[in-house]
C-alpha atoms as a PDB file:
ATOM      1  CA  MET A   1      72.140 -37.099-304.729  1.00  0.00           C
ATOM      2  CA  ALA A   2      71.912 -37.551-300.959  1.00  0.00           C
ATOM      3  CA  THR A   3      74.894 -37.106-298.670  1.00  0.00           C
ATOM      4  CA  VAL A   4      75.323 -38.662-295.221  1.00  0.00           C
ATOM      5  CA  ALA A   5      77.610 -37.073-292.638  1.00  0.00           C
ATOM      6  CA  GLU A   6      78.060 -36.762-288.902  1.00  0.00           C
ATOM      7  CA  CYS A   7      76.402 -33.815-287.239  1.00  0.00           C
ATOM      8  CA  PRO A   8      76.136 -32.454-283.704  1.00  0.00           C
ATOM      9  CA  ALA A   9      73.343 -33.706-281.437  1.00  0.00           C
ATOM     10  CA  ASP A  10      71.789 -30.241-281.375  1.00  0.00           C
ATOM     11  CA  ASP A  11      71.681 -29.736-285.161  1.00  0.00           C
ATOM     12  CA  GLY A  12      68.289 -28.196-285.984  1.00  0.00           C
ATOM     13  CA  LEU A  13      67.685 -30.419-289.021  1.00  0.00           C
ATOM     14  CA  LEU A  14      68.498 -33.526-286.986  1.00  0.00           C
ATOM     15  CA  LEU A  15      66.143 -32.428-284.209  1.00  0.00           C
ATOM     16  CA  ALA A  16      63.355 -31.811-286.735  1.00  0.00           C
ATOM     17  CA  LEU A  17      63.743 -35.335-288.133  1.00  0.00           C
ATOM     18  CA  MET A  18      63.814 -36.830-284.611  1.00  0.00           C
ATOM     19  CA  THR A  19      60.576 -34.957-283.855  1.00  0.00           C
ATOM     20  CA  ALA A  20      59.006 -36.359-287.034  1.00  0.00           C
ATOM     21  CA  MET A  21      60.168 -39.857-286.055  1.00  0.00           C
ATOM     22  CA  THR A  22      58.630 -39.520-282.593  1.00  0.00           C
ATOM     23  CA  ALA A  23      55.344 -38.248-284.048  1.00  0.00           C
ATOM     24  CA  GLU A  24      55.235 -41.242-286.399  1.00  0.00           C
ATOM     25  CA  LEU A  25      55.871 -43.651-283.488  1.00  0.00           C
ATOM     26  CA  VAL A  26      53.151 -42.006-281.383  1.00  0.00           C
ATOM     27  CA  VAL A  27      50.584 -42.689-284.106  1.00  0.00           C
ATOM     28  CA  ALA A  28      51.863 -46.175-285.045  1.00  0.00           C
ATOM     29  CA  HIS A  29      51.970 -47.437-281.455  1.00  0.00           C
ATOM     30  CA  ASN A  30      49.154 -45.365-279.940  1.00  0.00           C
ATOM     31  CA  LEU A  31      51.544 -43.723-277.468  1.00  0.00           C
ATOM     32  CA  PRO A  32      50.861 -40.634-275.365  1.00  0.00           C
ATOM     33  CA  THR A  33      51.430 -37.500-277.443  1.00  0.00           C
ATOM     34  CA  ASP A  34      53.966 -36.146-274.955  1.00  0.00           C
ATOM     35  CA  VAL A  35      56.242 -39.214-275.108  1.00  0.00           C
ATOM     36  CA  ARG A  36      59.921 -38.523-275.757  1.00  0.00           C
ATOM     37  CA  PRO A  37      62.706 -41.012-276.448  1.00  0.00           C
ATOM     38  CA  PRO A  38      65.192 -41.388-273.598  1.00  0.00           C
ATOM     39  CA  PRO A  39      68.466 -39.509-273.996  1.00  0.00           C
ATOM     40  CA  LEU A  40      71.380 -41.327-275.585  1.00  0.00           C
ATOM     41  CA  ALA A  41      74.870 -41.630-274.130  1.00  0.00           C
ATOM     42  CA  PRO A  42      76.797 -38.334-274.326  1.00  0.00           C
ATOM     43  CA  ASP A  43      79.405 -39.857-276.658  1.00  0.00           C
ATOM     44  CA  SER A  44      76.814 -41.064-279.193  1.00  0.00           C
ATOM     45  CA  ARG A  45      77.374 -40.042-282.803  1.00  0.00           C
ATOM     46  CA  TYR A  46      74.625 -38.682-285.032  1.00  0.00           C
ATOM     47  CA  LEU A  47      74.272 -38.973-288.791  1.00  0.00           C
ATOM     48  CA  LEU A  48      72.217 -36.702-290.993  1.00  0.00           C
ATOM     49  CA  ALA A  49      71.299 -37.377-294.610  1.00  0.00           C
ATOM     50  CA  ARG A  50      70.585 -34.414-296.864  1.00  0.00           C
ATOM     51  CA  ASP A  51      69.329 -33.932-300.354  1.00  0.00           C
ATOM     52  CA  GLY A  52      70.714 -30.488-301.027  1.00  0.00           C
ATOM     53  CA  GLU A  53      69.613 -28.378-298.070  1.00  0.00           C
ATOM     54  CA  ARG A  54      66.736 -30.710-297.161  1.00  0.00           C
ATOM     55  CA  ALA A  55      67.188 -33.239-294.339  1.00  0.00           C
ATOM     56  CA  ILE A  56      65.819 -36.619-295.421  1.00  0.00           C
ATOM     57  CA  GLY A  57      67.209 -39.137-292.930  1.00  0.00           C
ATOM     58  CA  CYS A  58      69.065 -39.639-289.699  1.00  0.00           C
ATOM     59  CA  CYS A  59      70.259 -42.147-287.144  1.00  0.00           C
ATOM     60  CA  ALA A  60      72.449 -42.396-284.074  1.00  0.00           C
ATOM     61  CA  VAL A  61      75.307 -44.712-283.152  1.00  0.00           C
ATOM     62  CA  GLU A  62      75.471 -45.236-279.400  1.00  0.00           C
ATOM     63  CA  PRO A  63      78.315 -46.982-277.542  1.00  0.00           C
ATOM     64  CA  VAL A  64      76.991 -49.823-275.362  1.00  0.00           C
ATOM     65  CA  GLU A  65      80.223 -51.341-274.065  1.00  0.00           C
ATOM     66  CA  PRO A  66      83.785 -51.565-275.379  1.00  0.00           C
ATOM     67  CA  GLY A  67      83.578 -52.843-278.961  1.00  0.00           C
ATOM     68  CA  LEU A  68      79.760 -52.868-279.087  1.00  0.00           C
ATOM     69  CA  TYR A  69      77.624 -50.103-280.599  1.00  0.00           C
ATOM     70  CA  GLU A  70      73.906 -49.802-281.198  1.00  0.00           C
ATOM     71  CA  LEU A  71      72.229 -48.257-284.223  1.00  0.00           C
ATOM     72  CA  LYS A  72      69.345 -46.179-282.904  1.00  0.00           C
ATOM     73  CA  ARG A  73      66.745 -43.693-284.037  1.00  0.00           C
ATOM     74  CA  MET A  74      66.956 -44.527-287.710  1.00  0.00           C
ATOM     75  CA  PHE A  75      64.445 -42.380-289.574  1.00  0.00           C
ATOM     76  CA  VAL A  76      63.986 -41.721-293.269  1.00  0.00           C
ATOM     77  CA  ALA A  77      61.523 -39.180-294.658  1.00  0.00           C
ATOM     78  CA  PRO A  78      58.553 -40.956-296.245  1.00  0.00           C
ATOM     79  CA  ASP A  79      59.438 -39.830-299.778  1.00  0.00           C
ATOM     80  CA  ALA A  80      63.001 -41.188-299.407  1.00  0.00           C
ATOM     81  CA  ARG A  81      61.964 -44.655-298.230  1.00  0.00           C
ATOM     82  CA  GLY A  82      62.538 -47.409-300.745  1.00  0.00           C
ATOM     83  CA  THR A  83      65.588 -45.583-302.132  1.00  0.00           C
ATOM     84  CA  GLU A  84      69.265 -46.260-301.494  1.00  0.00           C
ATOM     85  CA  LEU A  85      69.266 -43.842-298.556  1.00  0.00           C
ATOM     86  CA  PRO A  86      68.371 -46.293-295.752  1.00  0.00           C
ATOM     87  CA  GLY A  87      71.227 -48.573-296.837  1.00  0.00           C
ATOM     88  CA  ALA A  88      73.605 -45.602-296.974  1.00  0.00           C
ATOM     89  CA  LEU A  89      72.687 -44.624-293.399  1.00  0.00           C
ATOM     90  CA  VAL A  90      73.278 -48.198-292.207  1.00  0.00           C
ATOM     91  CA  ALA A  91      76.652 -48.418-293.997  1.00  0.00           C
ATOM     92  CA  GLU A  92      77.812 -45.068-292.607  1.00  0.00           C
ATOM     93  CA  SER A  93      76.702 -46.018-289.087  1.00  0.00           C
ATOM     94  CA  GLU A  94      78.890 -49.125-289.363  1.00  0.00           C
ATOM     95  CA  ARG A  95      81.851 -47.000-290.478  1.00  0.00           C
ATOM     96  CA  VAL A  96      81.323 -44.626-287.542  1.00  0.00           C
ATOM     97  CA  ALA A  97      81.177 -47.514-285.062  1.00  0.00           C
ATOM     98  CA  ARG A  98      84.300 -49.087-286.593  1.00  0.00           C
ATOM     99  CA  ARG A  99      86.213 -45.763-286.428  1.00  0.00           C
ATOM    100  CA  HIS A 100      85.492 -45.599-282.710  1.00  0.00           C
ATOM    101  CA  GLY A 101      86.609 -49.152-281.948  1.00  0.00           C
ATOM    102  CA  GLY A 102      83.417 -51.041-282.673  1.00  0.00           C
ATOM    103  CA  VAL A 103      83.673 -54.687-283.618  1.00  0.00           C
ATOM    104  CA  ARG A 104      79.931 -55.367-283.386  1.00  0.00           C
ATOM    105  CA  ILE A 105      76.822 -53.285-283.983  1.00  0.00           C
ATOM    106  CA  ARG A 106      73.312 -54.176-282.940  1.00  0.00           C
ATOM    107  CA  LEU A 107      69.803 -52.775-283.331  1.00  0.00           C
ATOM    108  CA  GLU A 108      66.150 -53.324-282.509  1.00  0.00           C
ATOM    109  CA  THR A 109      63.194 -52.928-284.830  1.00  0.00           C
ATOM    110  CA  GLY A 110      59.686 -54.190-285.343  1.00  0.00           C
ATOM    111  CA  VAL A 111      59.065 -53.049-288.924  1.00  0.00           C
ATOM    112  CA  PRO A 112      59.104 -55.924-291.474  1.00  0.00           C
ATOM    113  CA  SER A 113      60.356 -53.830-294.408  1.00  0.00           C
ATOM    114  CA  VAL A 114      63.190 -52.510-292.258  1.00  0.00           C
ATOM    115  CA  MET A 115      64.040 -56.055-291.136  1.00  0.00           C
ATOM    116  CA  ARG A 116      64.650 -56.982-294.774  1.00  0.00           C
ATOM    117  CA  LEU A 117      66.983 -53.981-295.156  1.00  0.00           C
ATOM    118  CA  TYR A 118      69.082 -55.071-292.189  1.00  0.00           C
ATOM    119  CA  GLU A 119      69.147 -58.716-293.275  1.00  0.00           C
ATOM    120  CA  ARG A 120      70.365 -57.701-296.750  1.00  0.00           C
ATOM    121  CA  ALA A 121      73.095 -55.641-295.043  1.00  0.00           C
ATOM    122  CA  GLY A 122      74.377 -58.742-293.216  1.00  0.00           C
ATOM    123  CA  TYR A 123      72.636 -58.401-289.849  1.00  0.00           C
ATOM    124  CA  ARG A 124      71.559 -61.618-288.120  1.00  0.00           C
ATOM    125  CA  ARG A 125      68.762 -62.051-285.615  1.00  0.00           C
ATOM    126  CA  VAL A 126      69.866 -62.409-282.022  1.00  0.00           C
ATOM    127  CA  PRO A 127      67.923 -62.910-278.796  1.00  0.00           C
ATOM    128  CA  ASN A 128      66.252 -59.683-277.738  1.00  0.00           C
ATOM    129  CA  PHE A 129      68.549 -57.618-275.543  1.00  0.00           C
ATOM    130  CA  PRO A 130      67.440 -55.283-272.725  1.00  0.00           C
ATOM    131  CA  PRO A 131      65.103 -53.497-272.592  1.00  0.00           C
ATOM    132  CA  HIS A 132      63.404 -55.422-275.432  1.00  0.00           C
ATOM    133  CA  GLU A 133      63.632 -58.966-274.041  1.00  0.00           C
ATOM    134  CA  SER A 134      59.923 -59.223-273.142  1.00  0.00           C
ATOM    135  CA  ASP A 135      58.530 -57.181-276.055  1.00  0.00           C
ATOM    136  CA  PRO A 136      56.880 -59.528-278.574  1.00  0.00           C
ATOM    137  CA  GLY A 137      56.888 -56.758-281.202  1.00  0.00           C
ATOM    138  CA  SER A 138      60.666 -56.289-281.046  1.00  0.00           C
ATOM    139  CA  VAL A 139      63.209 -58.081-283.185  1.00  0.00           C
ATOM    140  CA  CYS A 140      66.911 -57.629-282.446  1.00  0.00           C
ATOM    141  CA  TYR A 141      69.806 -57.915-284.872  1.00  0.00           C
ATOM    142  CA  GLU A 142      73.578 -57.817-284.694  1.00  0.00           C
ATOM    143  CA  LYS A 143      76.438 -57.671-287.153  1.00  0.00           C
ATOM    144  CA  VAL A 144      80.133 -58.341-286.714  1.00  0.00           C
ATOM    145  CA  LEU A 145      82.043 -55.425-288.208  1.00  0.00           C
ATOM    146  CA  GLU A 146      84.912 -56.495-290.371  1.00  0.00           C
ATOM    147  CA  ALA A 147      88.017 -54.331-290.643  1.00  0.00           C
ATOM    148  CA  GLU A 148      87.690 -51.712-293.353  1.00  0.00           C
ATOM    149  CA  VAL A 149      89.933 -52.305-296.343  1.00  0.00           C
ATOM    150  CA  GLN A 150      92.465 -49.502-296.753  1.00  0.00           C
ATOM    151  CA  ARG A 151      92.754 -48.149-300.277  1.00  0.00           C
END
């Protein structure tokens, strides 16, 4: 059973998954091998999914402006794709954004199978936001975060 929890930006397991994500993007998009993603805002939150001691997924939730967050750097280990884990990472990212005052969360992707995941989770396509507005391979989504029901 996988667990998803916040972790520090310098967590070794998180960094290993981010490196794997970057390597996958280099191959998929024929990028230079030394490419690195730009740093995120210092107050970004990071999520790490584990199956026991093994890291199997991650993402980041970055503040964009008051009330608006962006889901970034979502990565799931190949053998955990097609499971419930991607949906669990999305749901937890929404909870993190909501806890920090988020009323909307947005994201960018270009992967059709991932687009279906986001659409099933209630995300709606929106016009591409910067810096993706002139990238024909990018598709942007946004979701209004409803207040969490207290139990």
